Amino acid sequence: MSIGYQFLCEHFKLSASTIERPCKIAPVQKLTETPDALLVPARTAPAVKDPIEHILFALKHEGTNLQILARVLTRIPASDLYQRISKSPTSRYMRLLGFLWETFNNQELEGSLGIAGPTIDLFDPKRYVTAPGRRNARWKVNFNGLGNVNYCATVRRTPAINAALKLDILGQARAFMDQLGTPEAERALAWAYLHETESSFAIERESVPQDKAQAFVALLKQAHTPRPMSENYLVELQNTAITNPFDMASSYRHQQNWLRGPLRGAAGITYVPPPPEMVTELMEGVLTFVNELPKTIDPLIAATIASFGFVFVHPFMDGNGRLSRFLFHYALCQSGQLTNGLLLPVSIAMKRNELQYLKALQAFSLPVREQWNVRWIDEDNYDFEFTGDKAIYQYWDATPMVEFSLDMAKQALDHDLKQEIQFLRQYDHVYRTIDQQFDVRGSDLTTLVISCLQNNGLVSNNRRKQFHLTVPQAVFDAIEKACLRLNTD
C-alpha cells in the first residue's frame, strides 16, 4: 500500500512530481531511510485512505513538497478541512495544512478556528536550505522557502551540499585573489573573463566572433553593477548575448519554444518550456528570487536557482543558455561577496563536465517532458499540448543542480583560476630566463614558451620547424631546460 506523497500522487492521478524517497510499509520497527525509499512500520502508517491523513503524514515524515501539495489541496473540500482543524487548532501539522490550503485555494476557511501556539517554519532548516521567511499571523506559520508562495525551489541538505557549504568557496576565492599582486590579479581576471565567455558559447556549440566575445566580456563585468534585474534589462542582455540579429527579442516570448536532440520527429523533442501564457508570471518568481535572495542565503545556492530557474522557463526564443550562466555570475556579484571584479569561471568547469551538466538539467527536464503531447506535423512544425499542471514549473527540487554547481564553483577556483595563476607564474619565469640569454622576437618567444608549457615541457617538432629560420636551435633547448627546472626547483 502506498502512503504519504506517493499515495496522494496515485489517488489524485498526479504525474511528474518528484518524491525524494517514496514511503513504503515494511517489516521495520521504526522509520528507516534507504537510498530509494522511506520504510514505515505498519503501525505508523495512515490506517485509512483519507487524503488529509496522508497529507499530515507526509508533512510530518517526508518534508514539504509544494509541487504535490499545490495540486492536491485544491481538491480537498473546505468543509472537510475545517472539521479536522477545528478539533486540533494548535497542532503543528494542522496549522501547516491550513496555511497551505488557504494559500493554494486563495481563500480563507470560514468560522472561528482558535489557532494558537508558537510560530513554526514551513520548511525544516535541518532538512532544507531555508530563507529568513515571511510570517503568516493567522496560522503562525513562517514561509521560509527559497522564493515565495507562487514560485519556490527546494534544496535538501544532502551530505554533498553540507560539505561544500562548509568550504566557503567564495571566501577562499577572495582570500586567494587578495594575496596576488595587482598586475598578476588583473592578468588572471582577464583570462577568466575571456575563457568564461568562450566556454559559455562552446556549451551552446557556437564559436564566438571577436566582437561578440568582447561584448560578452563587457556583459560579465556588468554583473557587478548594482542594477535590479527586470524584463527590460534581460532584453538588453539577450540582444548582447546572441549572434543572430534576427533573433533579438523585444520582450519575453509569445511563442512556444522547445529543445531538440538528434532524433527525428516528436521523439527528438527533449524539453518543452512552459507555454507562453505562463512565462510572465513564472519570470516574476524568478526575478523576485534573483533580486532578493542572493543577499539572504548562500550566494552560490541563490546563483544556481537563478540560473537553472531561468533556463527552465526559457523566456526568449534564443540566448537562454548564455543568459542563464550570466545570471549565475550576476547573483554572485549582487551578493556583495565577490569584490574587485572577481569572477569564478564556472562555465569552463561546466564545459569540462558536460555530461554532469546535462544530468543536472535532465533531473527537471525529463519529468516535465512527459507532461507534453507533441505531434510532428512537417519539417520544423510541431503541435504541442500541455497536459500537466503549472505547479511543475513553479515548485521544483533544485538539489541536483545545487550539488553540481557547488562542485563546478570549487573546480573553477581550484582547477582553473589557481592553475592559471600557476601557469602565468611559470610563463613569466621561463620567459625572463630565455630573454636574459637570447635576443628573440617577443611574439615568437611568447608562442614558444606557452607551447612548451602546454606540451609537458617539450618544444614540438612542428614548432621547431615553424620557427627554425628566426630562432636558433639553442633557444628551443634552453626553453625545454627552463621548463624542466620548474618541476625540480
Protein backbone atom coordinates (compact mmCIF):
# COMPACT_ATOMS: atom_id res chain seq x y z
CA MET A 1 0.00 0.00 0.00
CA SER A 2 1.31 3.44 -0.94
CA ILE A 3 1.34 6.08 1.76
CA GLY A 4 2.16 9.77 2.11
CA TYR A 5 3.03 11.66 -1.03
CA GLN A 6 3.09 8.51 -3.14
CA PHE A 7 -0.49 7.73 -2.08
CA LEU A 8 -1.57 11.28 -2.95
CA CYS A 9 0.02 11.06 -6.41
CA GLU A 10 -1.74 7.78 -7.12
CA HIS A 11 -5.06 8.79 -5.52
CA PHE A 12 -5.31 12.04 -7.49
CA LYS A 13 -3.55 10.65 -10.56
CA LEU A 14 -0.70 13.15 -10.43
CA SER A 15 2.37 12.70 -12.56
CA ALA A 16 5.78 14.33 -12.99
CA SER A 17 6.01 15.01 -9.26
CA THR A 18 9.38 14.48 -7.64
CA ILE A 19 9.44 12.50 -4.41
CA GLU A 20 12.76 12.30 -2.61
CA ARG A 21 12.09 8.88 -1.06
CA PRO A 22 8.64 7.29 -1.59
CA CYS A 23 7.22 5.78 1.59
CA LYS A 24 6.65 2.05 1.79
CA ILE A 25 5.17 -0.09 4.55
CA ALA A 26 7.82 -2.57 5.58
CA PRO A 27 8.58 -5.03 8.42
CA VAL A 28 10.70 -2.49 10.34
CA GLN A 29 10.44 -1.28 13.93
CA LYS A 30 10.89 2.43 13.15
CA LEU A 31 11.05 4.74 10.16
CA THR A 32 14.12 3.71 8.20
CA GLU A 33 15.66 5.68 5.32
CA THR A 34 17.23 3.79 2.44
CA PRO A 35 18.72 5.32 -0.72
CA ASP A 36 15.45 4.69 -2.59
CA ALA A 37 12.64 4.75 -0.02
CA LEU A 38 11.44 5.59 3.47
CA LEU A 39 10.43 2.34 5.14
CA VAL A 40 7.49 2.74 7.53
CA PRO A 41 6.17 0.34 10.21
CA ALA A 42 2.54 -0.59 9.62
CA ARG A 43 1.51 0.89 12.98
CA THR A 44 2.87 4.32 11.95
CA ALA A 45 1.24 4.47 8.52
CA PRO A 46 -2.17 6.10 7.99
CA ALA A 47 -4.81 3.43 8.56
CA VAL A 48 -7.34 4.80 6.08
CA LYS A 49 -7.35 6.07 2.54
CA ASP A 50 -8.12 9.59 3.66
CA PRO A 51 -6.09 12.21 1.73
CA ILE A 52 -5.93 14.52 4.74
CA GLU A 53 -4.37 11.77 6.85
CA HIS A 54 -1.76 11.13 4.17
CA ILE A 55 -1.02 14.86 3.82
CA LEU A 56 -0.43 15.13 7.56
CA PHE A 57 1.76 12.02 7.49
CA ALA A 58 3.77 13.42 4.57
CA LEU A 59 4.30 16.82 6.21
CA LYS A 60 5.50 15.14 9.39
CA HIS A 61 7.73 12.44 7.97
CA GLU A 62 8.59 13.32 4.36
CA GLY A 63 9.04 17.07 4.43
CA THR A 64 7.41 19.83 2.38
CA ASN A 65 6.71 19.06 -1.28
CA LEU A 66 4.91 22.14 -2.63
CA GLN A 67 4.62 20.69 -6.13
CA ILE A 68 2.38 17.90 -4.86
CA LEU A 69 0.62 19.91 -2.17
CA ALA A 70 -0.30 22.70 -4.58
CA ARG A 71 -2.09 20.19 -6.79
CA VAL A 72 -3.69 18.15 -4.02
CA LEU A 73 -5.01 20.83 -1.68
CA THR A 74 -7.19 22.44 -4.34
CA ARG A 75 -9.11 19.14 -4.36
CA ILE A 76 -9.74 18.99 -0.61
CA PRO A 77 -13.20 20.39 0.30
CA ALA A 78 -13.17 23.32 2.73
CA SER A 79 -15.77 21.67 4.95
CA ASP A 80 -13.64 18.53 5.40
CA LEU A 81 -10.59 20.54 6.30
CA TYR A 82 -12.45 22.86 8.70
CA GLN A 83 -13.80 19.94 10.69
CA ARG A 84 -10.34 18.43 11.07
CA ILE A 85 -8.56 21.64 12.01
CA SER A 86 -11.24 22.79 14.46
CA LYS A 87 -10.60 19.63 16.50
CA SER A 88 -6.84 20.30 16.80
CA PRO A 89 -6.25 24.03 16.14
CA THR A 90 -2.91 24.07 17.94
CA SER A 91 -1.45 21.07 16.09
CA ARG A 92 1.73 21.96 14.20
CA TYR A 93 0.86 19.96 11.11
CA MET A 94 -2.79 21.05 11.11
CA ARG A 95 -1.61 24.64 11.05
CA LEU A 96 0.77 23.94 8.17
CA LEU A 97 -2.07 22.21 6.35
CA GLY A 98 -4.46 25.11 6.92
CA PHE A 99 -1.92 27.70 5.80
CA LEU A 100 -1.14 25.81 2.61
CA TRP A 101 -4.81 25.11 1.84
CA GLU A 102 -5.69 28.81 2.04
CA THR A 103 -2.58 29.73 0.03
CA PHE A 104 -3.29 27.39 -2.86
CA ASN A 105 -7.06 27.92 -2.87
CA ASN A 106 -6.71 31.68 -2.49
CA GLN A 107 -9.48 31.80 0.10
CA GLU A 108 -9.93 31.63 3.87
CA LEU A 109 -11.67 28.87 5.75
CA GLU A 110 -14.84 30.24 7.29
CA GLY A 111 -15.52 30.08 11.02
CA SER A 112 -13.52 30.52 14.19
CA LEU A 113 -10.62 28.10 14.45
CA GLY A 114 -8.80 29.31 17.58
CA ILE A 115 -5.31 28.91 16.14
CA ALA A 116 -2.67 29.07 18.88
CA GLY A 117 0.92 28.15 19.57
CA PRO A 118 4.40 29.45 18.69
CA THR A 119 5.32 30.35 15.09
CA ILE A 120 6.50 27.32 13.13
CA ASP A 121 8.61 27.02 9.97
CA LEU A 122 7.11 25.58 6.81
CA PHE A 123 10.48 24.06 5.86
CA ASP A 124 12.58 22.28 8.47
CA PRO A 125 16.01 24.05 8.47
CA LYS A 126 17.67 20.76 9.40
CA ARG A 127 16.31 19.12 6.27
CA TYR A 128 16.32 22.04 3.80
CA VAL A 129 18.29 25.15 2.97
CA THR A 130 15.95 27.95 4.03
CA ALA A 131 15.48 31.72 3.79
CA PRO A 132 14.62 34.14 6.62
CA GLY A 133 10.95 33.90 5.68
CA ARG A 134 7.67 35.78 5.94
CA ARG A 135 5.34 35.19 8.90
CA ASN A 136 1.64 34.45 8.38
CA ALA A 137 -0.05 35.81 11.51
CA ARG A 138 -3.33 33.92 11.01
CA TRP A 139 -1.74 30.45 11.10
CA LYS A 140 1.50 31.46 12.85
CA VAL A 141 3.49 29.86 10.04
CA ASN A 142 6.79 31.21 8.74
CA PHE A 143 7.17 30.74 4.99
CA ASN A 144 10.94 30.20 4.91
CA GLY A 145 11.19 28.64 1.47
CA LEU A 146 13.59 29.72 -1.29
CA GLY A 147 11.29 32.07 -3.14
CA ASN A 148 7.66 32.81 -2.36
CA VAL A 149 4.29 31.06 -2.33
CA ASN A 150 3.99 31.47 -6.10
CA TYR A 151 7.49 30.33 -7.07
CA CYS A 152 9.71 28.29 -4.81
CA ALA A 153 12.64 25.92 -5.23
CA THR A 154 13.72 23.44 -2.58
CA VAL A 155 17.26 22.42 -1.73
CA ARG A 156 17.72 19.41 0.51
CA ARG A 157 20.69 19.41 2.86
CA THR A 158 22.47 16.42 1.39
CA PRO A 159 25.92 15.41 2.71
CA ALA A 160 27.49 16.75 -0.51
CA ILE A 161 25.81 20.15 -0.15
CA ASN A 162 26.59 20.48 3.56
CA ALA A 163 30.24 19.60 2.95
CA ALA A 164 30.54 22.08 0.06
CA LEU A 165 28.95 24.92 2.03
CA LYS A 166 31.48 24.43 4.84
CA LEU A 167 34.31 25.08 2.36
CA ASP A 168 33.26 28.74 1.93
CA ILE A 169 34.32 28.71 -1.73
CA LEU A 170 33.67 32.43 -2.22
CA GLY A 171 35.71 33.24 0.88
CA GLN A 172 38.56 31.12 -0.48
CA ALA A 173 38.34 32.91 -3.82
CA ARG A 174 38.52 36.35 -2.18
CA ALA A 175 41.46 35.32 0.00
CA PHE A 176 43.32 33.87 -2.99
CA MET A 177 42.89 36.99 -5.11
CA ASP A 178 43.78 39.29 -2.19
CA GLN A 179 47.20 37.70 -1.85
CA LEU A 180 48.05 38.37 -5.50
CA GLY A 181 49.77 41.50 -6.70
CA THR A 182 47.68 43.87 -8.81
CA PRO A 183 49.29 43.01 -12.20
CA GLU A 184 49.01 39.27 -11.53
CA ALA A 185 45.36 39.59 -10.44
CA GLU A 186 44.48 41.68 -13.49
CA ARG A 187 46.02 39.13 -15.85
CA ALA A 188 44.20 36.27 -14.13
CA LEU A 189 40.86 38.07 -14.32
CA ALA A 190 41.40 39.00 -17.98
CA TRP A 191 41.97 35.31 -18.69
CA ALA A 192 38.93 34.30 -16.60
CA TYR A 193 36.54 36.69 -18.34
CA LEU A 194 37.68 35.70 -21.83
CA HIS A 195 37.68 31.96 -21.24
CA GLU A 196 34.38 32.09 -19.36
CA THR A 197 32.93 33.75 -22.48
CA GLU A 198 34.42 31.20 -24.86
CA SER A 199 33.24 28.27 -22.74
CA SER A 200 29.71 29.67 -22.38
CA PHE A 201 29.40 29.87 -26.17
CA ALA A 202 31.08 26.47 -26.58
CA ILE A 203 28.44 24.83 -24.37
CA GLU A 204 25.91 26.04 -26.97
CA ARG A 205 28.11 24.55 -29.73
CA GLU A 206 28.88 28.03 -31.06
CA SER A 207 32.16 29.71 -31.88
CA VAL A 208 32.32 33.29 -30.68
CA PRO A 209 33.40 36.10 -33.06
CA GLN A 210 35.84 38.60 -31.58
CA ASP A 211 33.29 41.42 -31.42
CA LYS A 212 30.77 39.19 -29.64
CA ALA A 213 33.46 37.91 -27.28
CA GLN A 214 34.33 41.47 -26.32
CA ALA A 215 30.65 42.32 -25.87
CA PHE A 216 30.06 39.29 -23.64
CA VAL A 217 33.14 40.07 -21.55
CA ALA A 218 31.72 43.56 -21.02
CA LEU A 219 28.41 41.92 -20.12
CA LEU A 220 30.05 39.76 -17.47
CA LYS A 221 31.77 42.77 -15.97
CA GLN A 222 28.38 44.49 -15.89
CA ALA A 223 27.21 41.81 -13.44
CA HIS A 224 28.95 43.80 -10.69
CA THR A 225 26.82 46.89 -11.41
CA PRO A 226 24.06 47.28 -8.77
CA ARG A 227 21.10 47.32 -11.13
CA PRO A 228 17.89 45.37 -10.35
CA MET A 229 17.05 42.62 -12.82
CA SER A 230 13.87 43.15 -14.88
CA GLU A 231 12.30 42.13 -18.18
CA ASN A 232 13.75 45.20 -19.92
CA TYR A 233 17.21 44.53 -18.51
CA LEU A 234 17.02 40.90 -19.63
CA VAL A 235 16.01 42.01 -23.13
CA GLU A 236 19.11 44.25 -23.26
CA LEU A 237 21.26 41.33 -22.13
CA GLN A 238 19.67 38.95 -24.64
CA ASN A 239 20.36 41.36 -27.50
CA THR A 240 24.01 41.47 -26.46
CA ALA A 241 24.41 37.73 -25.91
CA ILE A 242 23.15 36.36 -29.23
CA THR A 243 24.97 36.40 -32.57
CA ASN A 244 21.99 36.42 -34.97
CA PRO A 245 20.36 39.90 -35.16
CA PHE A 246 17.10 38.34 -36.37
CA ASP A 247 16.73 36.56 -33.01
CA MET A 248 16.95 39.70 -30.90
CA ALA A 249 13.97 39.94 -28.55
CA SER A 250 11.90 42.97 -27.57
CA SER A 251 10.11 41.20 -24.70
CA TYR A 252 9.55 37.73 -23.29
CA ARG A 253 8.49 35.21 -25.89
CA HIS A 254 4.92 34.91 -27.16
CA GLN A 255 5.56 31.62 -28.95
CA GLN A 256 6.17 28.08 -27.82
CA ASN A 257 9.80 27.04 -27.96
CA TRP A 258 11.48 23.71 -27.40
CA LEU A 259 14.82 21.93 -27.25
CA ARG A 260 15.62 19.21 -29.70
CA GLY A 261 18.05 16.29 -29.80
CA PRO A 262 19.33 14.18 -32.71
CA LEU A 263 16.20 12.02 -33.17
CA ARG A 264 13.66 12.90 -35.85
CA GLY A 265 10.08 13.96 -35.26
CA ALA A 266 8.40 14.27 -31.86
CA ALA A 267 10.85 11.77 -30.33
CA GLY A 268 13.61 14.33 -30.85
CA ILE A 269 11.97 16.95 -28.61
CA THR A 270 13.93 16.69 -25.36
CA TYR A 271 12.41 19.54 -23.34
CA VAL A 272 9.39 21.82 -23.66
CA PRO A 273 9.42 25.03 -21.57
CA PRO A 274 6.17 26.41 -20.14
CA PRO A 275 3.52 27.72 -22.56
CA PRO A 276 3.98 31.40 -23.44
CA GLU A 277 0.96 32.46 -21.37
CA MET A 278 2.77 31.22 -18.22
CA VAL A 279 6.10 32.91 -18.91
CA THR A 280 5.46 36.36 -17.43
CA GLU A 281 4.13 35.01 -14.12
CA LEU A 282 6.91 32.45 -13.78
CA MET A 283 9.54 35.06 -14.60
CA GLU A 284 8.15 37.29 -11.86
CA GLY A 285 9.03 34.48 -9.49
CA VAL A 286 12.49 34.03 -10.98
CA LEU A 287 13.21 37.78 -10.85
CA THR A 288 11.95 38.10 -7.28
CA PHE A 289 14.35 35.34 -6.39
CA VAL A 290 17.25 36.90 -8.35
CA ASN A 291 16.78 40.34 -6.83
CA GLU A 292 16.16 39.35 -3.21
CA LEU A 293 17.79 36.08 -2.17
CA PRO A 294 21.50 36.44 -3.12
CA LYS A 295 21.94 38.61 -0.01
CA THR A 296 19.90 36.44 2.35
CA ILE A 297 21.03 32.88 1.58
CA ASP A 298 24.31 31.36 0.43
CA PRO A 299 25.10 33.19 -2.85
CA LEU A 300 26.15 30.03 -4.68
CA ILE A 301 22.77 28.46 -3.96
CA ALA A 302 20.98 31.66 -4.99
CA ALA A 303 23.06 31.79 -8.18
CA THR A 304 22.23 28.18 -9.02
CA ILE A 305 18.47 28.60 -8.66
CA ALA A 306 18.56 31.89 -10.58
CA SER A 307 20.50 30.28 -13.42
CA PHE A 308 18.60 27.00 -13.70
CA GLY A 309 15.22 28.58 -12.94
CA PHE A 310 15.74 30.98 -15.82
CA VAL A 311 16.73 28.30 -18.31
CA PHE A 312 13.77 26.11 -17.30
CA VAL A 313 11.36 28.96 -18.12
CA HIS A 314 13.30 29.73 -21.32
CA PRO A 315 11.72 33.19 -21.69
CA PHE A 316 13.35 34.01 -25.05
CA MET A 317 13.47 32.20 -28.35
CA ASP A 318 17.28 32.28 -28.37
CA GLY A 319 20.14 33.03 -26.00
CA ASN A 320 18.62 31.45 -22.89
CA GLY A 321 21.61 29.24 -22.07
CA ARG A 322 24.16 32.05 -22.13
CA LEU A 323 21.86 34.33 -20.16
CA SER A 324 21.32 31.63 -17.55
CA ARG A 325 25.07 31.43 -16.99
CA PHE A 326 25.28 35.24 -16.87
CA LEU A 327 22.62 35.19 -14.14
CA PHE A 328 24.83 32.83 -12.15
CA HIS A 329 27.53 35.49 -12.10
CA TYR A 330 25.01 38.29 -11.59
CA ALA A 331 23.63 36.67 -8.43
CA LEU A 332 27.14 36.12 -7.04
CA CYS A 333 28.18 39.69 -7.79
CA GLN A 334 24.98 41.23 -6.41
CA SER A 335 25.51 39.35 -3.15
CA GLY A 336 28.44 41.61 -2.39
CA GLN A 337 30.73 38.66 -1.69
CA LEU A 338 32.78 38.96 -4.89
CA THR A 339 34.76 42.21 -4.97
CA ASN A 340 37.19 43.98 -7.29
CA GLY A 341 35.76 42.38 -10.42
CA LEU A 342 36.36 38.83 -9.20
CA LEU A 343 34.75 36.15 -11.37
CA LEU A 344 34.68 32.38 -10.91
CA PRO A 345 34.92 30.83 -14.40
CA VAL A 346 32.26 28.19 -13.78
CA SER A 347 31.41 27.77 -17.48
CA ILE A 348 34.91 26.41 -18.06
CA ALA A 349 34.24 23.75 -15.44
CA MET A 350 30.74 23.09 -16.86
CA LYS A 351 32.17 22.62 -20.36
CA ARG A 352 34.69 20.15 -18.98
CA ASN A 353 31.84 18.28 -17.20
CA GLU A 354 29.13 18.46 -19.85
CA LEU A 355 27.65 15.05 -19.05
CA GLN A 356 27.11 16.04 -15.43
CA TYR A 357 25.67 19.38 -16.57
CA LEU A 358 23.22 17.54 -18.80
CA LYS A 359 22.31 15.18 -15.98
CA ALA A 360 21.52 18.12 -13.69
CA LEU A 361 19.30 19.69 -16.36
CA GLN A 362 17.55 16.39 -17.05
CA ALA A 363 16.61 15.95 -13.39
CA PHE A 364 14.00 18.60 -14.18
CA SER A 365 13.52 18.39 -17.94
CA LEU A 366 12.78 14.67 -18.31
CA PRO A 367 9.78 14.54 -15.93
CA VAL A 368 8.41 17.76 -17.46
CA ARG A 369 8.72 16.36 -21.00
CA GLU A 370 6.26 13.62 -20.01
CA GLN A 371 3.60 16.29 -19.43
CA TRP A 372 3.56 17.34 -23.07
CA ASN A 373 1.89 15.64 -26.01
CA VAL A 374 4.00 16.53 -29.03
CA ARG A 375 2.91 15.79 -32.58
CA TRP A 376 5.23 16.32 -35.52
CA ILE A 377 3.49 17.97 -38.46
CA ASP A 378 6.27 18.50 -41.00
CA GLU A 379 9.79 19.92 -41.19
CA ASP A 380 10.15 22.15 -38.06
CA ASN A 381 6.42 22.34 -37.35
CA TYR A 382 5.01 20.67 -34.25
CA ASP A 383 1.77 20.68 -32.32
CA PHE A 384 2.20 20.98 -28.54
CA GLU A 385 -0.40 20.13 -25.91
CA PHE A 386 0.42 20.68 -22.23
CA THR A 387 -1.31 18.02 -20.12
CA GLY A 388 0.33 18.85 -16.79
CA ASP A 389 -0.09 21.47 -14.10
CA LYS A 390 1.68 24.82 -13.76
CA ALA A 391 2.94 23.67 -10.35
CA ILE A 392 5.62 21.53 -12.01
CA TYR A 393 7.27 24.75 -13.24
CA GLN A 394 6.54 26.73 -10.05
CA TYR A 395 7.83 24.34 -7.39
CA TRP A 396 10.91 22.31 -8.21
CA ASP A 397 13.67 20.42 -6.46
CA ALA A 398 16.95 22.25 -7.10
CA THR A 399 19.07 19.81 -5.09
CA PRO A 400 20.79 18.09 -8.07
CA MET A 401 21.54 21.46 -9.65
CA VAL A 402 22.99 22.88 -6.43
CA GLU A 403 25.21 19.83 -5.88
CA PHE A 404 26.51 20.22 -9.44
CA SER A 405 27.05 23.99 -9.23
CA LEU A 406 28.88 23.86 -5.92
CA ASP A 407 31.25 21.29 -7.41
CA MET A 408 31.75 23.47 -10.51
CA ALA A 409 32.49 26.54 -8.37
CA LYS A 410 35.11 24.59 -6.44
CA GLN A 411 36.66 23.32 -9.67
CA ALA A 412 36.59 26.82 -11.17
CA LEU A 413 38.66 28.07 -8.23
CA ASP A 414 40.99 25.13 -7.64
CA HIS A 415 41.40 23.66 -11.11
CA ASP A 416 41.03 26.71 -13.33
CA LEU A 417 41.74 30.04 -11.62
CA LYS A 418 44.52 28.82 -9.34
CA GLN A 419 46.12 26.73 -12.09
CA GLU A 420 46.04 29.71 -14.46
CA ILE A 421 47.91 31.79 -11.88
CA GLN A 422 50.43 28.97 -11.58
CA PHE A 423 50.73 28.84 -15.37
CA LEU A 424 51.28 32.61 -15.60
CA ARG A 425 53.99 32.45 -12.96
CA GLN A 426 55.73 29.63 -14.80
CA TYR A 427 55.44 31.52 -18.08
CA ASP A 428 56.95 34.67 -16.57
CA HIS A 429 59.85 32.72 -15.08
CA VAL A 430 60.72 30.86 -18.32
CA TYR A 431 60.24 33.96 -20.49
CA ARG A 432 62.60 36.04 -18.30
CA THR A 433 65.17 33.26 -18.20
CA ILE A 434 65.32 32.94 -22.00
CA ASP A 435 65.06 36.66 -22.65
CA GLN A 436 68.15 37.26 -20.50
CA GLN A 437 70.17 34.75 -22.54
CA PHE A 438 68.99 35.26 -26.12
CA ASP A 439 67.77 38.01 -28.40
CA VAL A 440 64.48 36.56 -29.65
CA ARG A 441 61.48 38.42 -31.04
CA GLY A 442 58.97 38.80 -28.20
CA SER A 443 55.97 37.35 -30.05
CA ASP A 444 57.98 34.30 -31.11
CA LEU A 445 59.28 33.71 -27.60
CA THR A 446 55.78 34.05 -26.14
CA THR A 447 54.40 31.44 -28.55
CA LEU A 448 57.24 29.01 -27.88
CA VAL A 449 57.12 29.31 -24.09
CA ILE A 450 53.34 28.84 -23.95
CA SER A 451 53.54 25.91 -26.38
CA CYS A 452 56.29 24.24 -24.35
CA LEU A 453 54.43 24.64 -21.05
CA GLN A 454 51.27 23.21 -22.60
CA ASN A 455 53.21 20.30 -24.14
CA ASN A 456 54.63 18.83 -20.93
CA GLY A 457 57.88 20.81 -21.17
CA LEU A 458 58.74 19.94 -24.77
CA VAL A 459 59.01 22.17 -27.83
CA SER A 460 57.32 20.09 -30.51
CA ASN A 461 58.93 19.27 -33.83
CA ASN A 462 56.23 21.31 -35.56
CA ARG A 463 57.16 24.40 -33.54
CA ARG A 464 60.86 23.83 -34.23
CA LYS A 465 60.15 23.68 -37.96
CA GLN A 466 57.84 26.70 -37.80
CA PHE A 467 60.46 28.94 -36.18
CA HIS A 468 63.73 27.40 -37.40
CA LEU A 469 64.51 30.36 -39.69
CA THR A 470 64.15 33.03 -36.95
CA VAL A 471 65.01 31.20 -33.72
CA PRO A 472 68.36 29.49 -33.06
CA GLN A 473 68.27 25.80 -32.16
CA ALA A 474 69.82 26.59 -28.79
CA VAL A 475 66.76 28.61 -27.81
CA PHE A 476 64.46 25.60 -28.21
CA ASP A 477 66.70 23.52 -25.96
CA ALA A 478 67.01 26.33 -23.41
CA ILE A 479 63.24 26.71 -23.20
CA GLU A 480 62.85 22.98 -22.54
CA LYS A 481 65.59 23.12 -19.90
CA ALA A 482 63.94 26.08 -18.16
CA CYS A 483 60.59 24.29 -18.17
CA LEU A 484 62.20 21.16 -16.75
CA ARG A 485 63.66 23.19 -13.85
CA LEU A 486 60.15 24.34 -12.91
CA ASN A 487 59.33 20.80 -11.81
CA THR A 488 62.58 20.27 -9.90
CA ASP A 489 63.06 23.61 -8.11
